[in-house]
Amino acid sequence: MSIEAVGKQGGRKPSFMKNDVLWNGIGSMCYALASMVLAFFVLRLGGEEQGGIFGFGYSTLGQQFFIVAYFGLRPFHITDMKGEFSFSTI
């Protein structure tokens, strides 16, 4: 599907899509920079051992939670009108 087709079907012009891609890239770069700065401050304030534990936890567990939150379960949860899927552990 071409950009023109998406633009016509979605009611959005292709120039807006380029703008969205640009802002998404800028936001991703800011997030990456903030992650580096946060890790640097924790390393400086907590020392090597605590900074290493934080860095490991943040890069493995924290980023995995971020991915789940970024893609989100809310759209699936709010569209389950029939109650077919349970999000509880019971």
N, C-alpha and C. Protein backbone atom coordinates (compact mmCIF):
# COMPACT_ATOMS: atom_id res chain seq x y z
N MET A 1 0.85 -1.17 0.00
CA MET A 1 0.00 0.00 0.00
C MET A 1 0.89 1.24 0.00
N SER A 2 0.63 2.14 -0.88
CA SER A 2 1.46 3.33 -1.00
C SER A 2 1.07 4.38 0.04
N ILE A 3 1.94 5.34 0.21
CA ILE A 3 1.66 6.43 1.15
C ILE A 3 0.45 7.22 0.71
N GLU A 4 0.30 7.39 -0.60
CA GLU A 4 -0.85 8.13 -1.10
C GLU A 4 -2.15 7.41 -0.75
N ALA A 5 -2.15 6.08 -0.87
CA ALA A 5 -3.35 5.33 -0.55
C ALA A 5 -3.67 5.44 0.93
N VAL A 6 -2.66 5.36 1.78
CA VAL A 6 -2.88 5.49 3.20
C VAL A 6 -3.39 6.89 3.52
N GLY A 7 -2.81 7.88 2.87
CA GLY A 7 -3.24 9.25 3.09
C GLY A 7 -4.69 9.47 2.69
N LYS A 8 -5.12 8.86 1.59
CA LYS A 8 -6.49 9.02 1.14
C LYS A 8 -7.45 8.24 2.03
N GLN A 9 -7.06 7.04 2.43
CA GLN A 9 -7.95 6.21 3.23
C GLN A 9 -8.07 6.74 4.66
N GLY A 10 -6.97 7.12 5.23
CA GLY A 10 -6.98 7.57 6.61
C GLY A 10 -7.36 9.03 6.77
N GLY A 11 -7.50 9.75 5.68
CA GLY A 11 -7.84 11.16 5.76
C GLY A 11 -6.66 12.03 6.15
N ARG A 12 -5.47 11.49 6.16
CA ARG A 12 -4.28 12.26 6.52
C ARG A 12 -3.40 12.40 5.30
N LYS A 13 -2.78 13.53 5.21
CA LYS A 13 -1.88 13.79 4.09
C LYS A 13 -0.52 13.16 4.36
N PRO A 14 0.20 12.73 3.33
CA PRO A 14 1.52 12.13 3.53
C PRO A 14 2.51 13.05 4.23
N SER A 15 2.37 14.36 4.08
CA SER A 15 3.30 15.27 4.74
C SER A 15 3.16 15.18 6.26
N PHE A 16 1.95 14.91 6.74
CA PHE A 16 1.76 14.74 8.17
C PHE A 16 2.46 13.47 8.65
N MET A 17 2.48 12.45 7.81
CA MET A 17 3.13 11.20 8.19
C MET A 17 4.63 11.41 8.34
N LYS A 18 5.22 12.17 7.44
CA LYS A 18 6.64 12.48 7.56
C LYS A 18 6.92 13.25 8.84
N ASN A 19 6.04 14.16 9.18
CA ASN A 19 6.18 14.94 10.41
C ASN A 19 6.07 14.01 11.63
N ASP A 20 5.15 13.05 11.59
CA ASP A 20 5.00 12.10 12.69
C ASP A 20 6.25 11.25 12.87
N VAL A 21 6.82 10.82 11.77
CA VAL A 21 8.05 10.02 11.83
C VAL A 21 9.18 10.84 12.43
N LEU A 22 9.27 12.08 12.04
CA LEU A 22 10.30 12.97 12.58
C LEU A 22 10.15 13.12 14.09
N TRP A 23 8.95 13.43 14.55
CA TRP A 23 8.73 13.62 15.98
C TRP A 23 8.91 12.32 16.75
N ASN A 24 8.55 11.20 16.16
CA ASN A 24 8.77 9.91 16.81
C ASN A 24 10.27 9.65 16.98
N GLY A 25 11.06 9.97 15.96
CA GLY A 25 12.51 9.81 16.05
C GLY A 25 13.11 10.73 17.10
N ILE A 26 12.66 11.96 17.15
CA ILE A 26 13.16 12.91 18.16
C ILE A 26 12.80 12.43 19.56
N GLY A 27 11.59 11.95 19.74
CA GLY A 27 11.16 11.44 21.05
C GLY A 27 11.97 10.22 21.47
N SER A 28 12.25 9.33 20.54
CA SER A 28 13.04 8.14 20.84
C SER A 28 14.47 8.51 21.23
N MET A 29 15.03 9.50 20.54
CA MET A 29 16.38 9.94 20.88
C MET A 29 16.41 10.60 22.27
N CYS A 30 15.40 11.38 22.59
CA CYS A 30 15.33 11.99 23.92
C CYS A 30 15.21 10.94 25.00
N TYR A 31 14.41 9.91 24.74
CA TYR A 31 14.26 8.82 25.71
C TYR A 31 15.59 8.10 25.92
N ALA A 32 16.31 7.83 24.84
CA ALA A 32 17.61 7.16 24.95
C ALA A 32 18.60 8.04 25.71
N LEU A 33 18.61 9.33 25.45
CA LEU A 33 19.50 10.25 26.15
C LEU A 33 19.15 10.31 27.64
N ALA A 34 17.87 10.36 27.94
CA ALA A 34 17.44 10.40 29.35
C ALA A 34 17.85 9.12 30.07
N SER A 35 17.79 7.99 29.40
CA SER A 35 18.22 6.72 30.00
C SER A 35 19.70 6.75 30.33
N MET A 36 20.49 7.28 29.42
CA MET A 36 21.94 7.36 29.65
C MET A 36 22.25 8.31 30.80
N VAL A 37 21.59 9.45 30.84
CA VAL A 37 21.83 10.44 31.90
C VAL A 37 21.42 9.85 33.25
N LEU A 38 20.28 9.18 33.29
CA LEU A 38 19.83 8.56 34.54
C LEU A 38 20.82 7.52 35.02
N ALA A 39 21.29 6.67 34.13
CA ALA A 39 22.28 5.66 34.51
C ALA A 39 23.58 6.32 35.00
N PHE A 40 23.99 7.39 34.37
CA PHE A 40 25.19 8.11 34.79
C PHE A 40 25.05 8.66 36.20
N PHE A 41 23.91 9.30 36.50
CA PHE A 41 23.70 9.86 37.83
C PHE A 41 23.63 8.79 38.91
N VAL A 42 22.96 7.68 38.62
CA VAL A 42 22.89 6.60 39.60
C VAL A 42 24.28 6.03 39.85
N LEU A 43 25.06 5.89 38.81
CA LEU A 43 26.43 5.39 38.96
C LEU A 43 27.27 6.34 39.81
N ARG A 44 27.12 7.64 39.59
CA ARG A 44 27.88 8.63 40.36
C ARG A 44 27.42 8.70 41.81
N LEU A 45 26.12 8.65 42.03
CA LEU A 45 25.58 8.79 43.39
C LEU A 45 25.66 7.50 44.20
N GLY A 46 25.44 6.37 43.55
CA GLY A 46 25.37 5.10 44.27
C GLY A 46 26.65 4.30 44.29
N GLY A 47 27.59 4.64 43.44
CA GLY A 47 28.82 3.88 43.37
C GLY A 47 28.74 2.81 42.29
N GLU A 48 29.86 2.12 42.11
CA GLU A 48 29.95 1.15 41.03
C GLU A 48 29.01 -0.03 41.22
N GLU A 49 28.96 -0.57 42.45
CA GLU A 49 28.13 -1.75 42.67
C GLU A 49 26.65 -1.44 42.50
N GLN A 50 26.18 -0.39 43.17
CA GLN A 50 24.76 -0.03 43.07
C GLN A 50 24.40 0.43 41.66
N GLY A 51 25.31 1.15 41.04
CA GLY A 51 25.08 1.59 39.66
C GLY A 51 25.01 0.42 38.70
N GLY A 52 25.84 -0.59 38.94
CA GLY A 52 25.80 -1.79 38.10
C GLY A 52 24.50 -2.56 38.27
N ILE A 53 24.04 -2.68 39.51
CA ILE A 53 22.77 -3.36 39.76
C ILE A 53 21.63 -2.60 39.11
N PHE A 54 21.64 -1.27 39.28
CA PHE A 54 20.60 -0.46 38.65
C PHE A 54 20.65 -0.59 37.13
N GLY A 55 21.84 -0.49 36.56
CA GLY A 55 21.98 -0.57 35.11
C GLY A 55 21.49 -1.89 34.56
N PHE A 56 21.83 -2.98 35.24
CA PHE A 56 21.38 -4.30 34.80
C PHE A 56 19.86 -4.41 34.89
N GLY A 57 19.32 -3.99 36.03
CA GLY A 57 17.87 -4.07 36.21
C GLY A 57 17.11 -3.17 35.24
N TYR A 58 17.62 -1.98 35.05
CA TYR A 58 16.96 -1.03 34.16
C TYR A 58 17.01 -1.49 32.70
N SER A 59 18.16 -2.03 32.30
CA SER A 59 18.30 -2.42 30.90
C SER A 59 17.59 -3.72 30.57
N THR A 60 17.41 -4.59 31.54
CA THR A 60 16.75 -5.86 31.24
C THR A 60 15.27 -5.81 31.61
N LEU A 61 14.99 -5.69 32.87
CA LEU A 61 13.59 -5.73 33.32
C LEU A 61 12.83 -4.45 32.97
N GLY A 62 13.45 -3.31 33.23
CA GLY A 62 12.77 -2.04 32.99
C GLY A 62 12.41 -1.82 31.54
N GLN A 63 13.30 -2.15 30.65
CA GLN A 63 13.03 -1.97 29.21
C GLN A 63 11.96 -2.93 28.71
N GLN A 64 11.90 -4.12 29.29
CA GLN A 64 10.85 -5.06 28.89
C GLN A 64 9.48 -4.55 29.31
N PHE A 65 9.40 -3.98 30.51
CA PHE A 65 8.14 -3.39 30.95
C PHE A 65 7.77 -2.19 30.09
N PHE A 66 8.77 -1.43 29.67
CA PHE A 66 8.51 -0.28 28.82
C PHE A 66 7.91 -0.72 27.49
N ILE A 67 8.43 -1.81 26.93
CA ILE A 67 7.89 -2.30 25.66
C ILE A 67 6.44 -2.71 25.82
N VAL A 68 6.11 -3.41 26.90
CA VAL A 68 4.72 -3.81 27.14
C VAL A 68 3.85 -2.57 27.31
N ALA A 69 4.34 -1.60 28.07
CA ALA A 69 3.56 -0.38 28.29
C ALA A 69 3.42 0.45 27.02
N TYR A 70 4.48 0.45 26.20
CA TYR A 70 4.45 1.24 24.98
C TYR A 70 3.42 0.71 23.99
N PHE A 71 3.40 -0.60 23.81
CA PHE A 71 2.41 -1.18 22.92
C PHE A 71 1.05 -1.24 23.60
N GLY A 72 1.05 -1.34 24.88
CA GLY A 72 -0.14 -1.21 25.69
C GLY A 72 -1.10 -2.38 25.63
N LEU A 73 -1.65 -2.71 26.77
CA LEU A 73 -2.71 -3.70 26.84
C LEU A 73 -4.07 -3.04 26.88
N ARG A 74 -4.10 -1.75 27.11
CA ARG A 74 -5.39 -1.06 27.22
C ARG A 74 -6.26 -1.21 25.98
N PRO A 75 -5.73 -1.06 24.76
CA PRO A 75 -6.62 -1.24 23.60
C PRO A 75 -7.26 -2.63 23.55
N PHE A 76 -6.52 -3.65 24.00
CA PHE A 76 -7.09 -4.99 24.02
C PHE A 76 -8.11 -5.13 25.14
N HIS A 77 -7.80 -4.51 26.25
CA HIS A 77 -8.67 -4.61 27.41
C HIS A 77 -10.00 -3.90 27.18
N ILE A 78 -9.96 -2.70 26.61
CA ILE A 78 -11.19 -1.95 26.45
C ILE A 78 -12.03 -2.42 25.27
N THR A 79 -11.45 -3.21 24.37
CA THR A 79 -12.24 -3.72 23.24
C THR A 79 -12.77 -5.12 23.48
N ASP A 80 -12.53 -5.69 24.66
CA ASP A 80 -13.03 -7.01 25.00
C ASP A 80 -14.43 -6.87 25.59
N MET A 81 -15.39 -6.53 24.75
CA MET A 81 -16.75 -6.26 25.21
C MET A 81 -17.47 -7.52 25.68
N LYS A 82 -17.11 -8.67 25.12
CA LYS A 82 -17.77 -9.92 25.50
C LYS A 82 -17.15 -10.54 26.75
N GLY A 83 -16.04 -10.01 27.22
CA GLY A 83 -15.37 -10.55 28.39
C GLY A 83 -14.70 -11.89 28.13
N GLU A 84 -14.20 -12.09 26.92
CA GLU A 84 -13.56 -13.36 26.56
C GLU A 84 -12.20 -13.54 27.21
N PHE A 85 -11.49 -12.45 27.44
CA PHE A 85 -10.14 -12.54 27.97
C PHE A 85 -10.08 -11.93 29.37
N SER A 86 -9.46 -12.67 30.26
CA SER A 86 -9.32 -12.20 31.65
C SER A 86 -7.89 -11.76 31.88
N PHE A 87 -7.74 -10.62 32.52
CA PHE A 87 -6.43 -10.10 32.84
C PHE A 87 -6.08 -10.35 34.30
N SER A 88 -6.85 -11.18 34.98
CA SER A 88 -6.58 -11.48 36.37
C SER A 88 -5.74 -12.74 36.49
N THR A 89 -5.19 -12.95 37.65
CA THR A 89 -4.37 -14.15 37.89
C THR A 89 -5.17 -15.23 38.60
N ILE A 90 -6.41 -15.00 38.84
CA ILE A 90 -7.26 -15.97 39.55
C ILE A 90 -7.84 -16.97 38.58
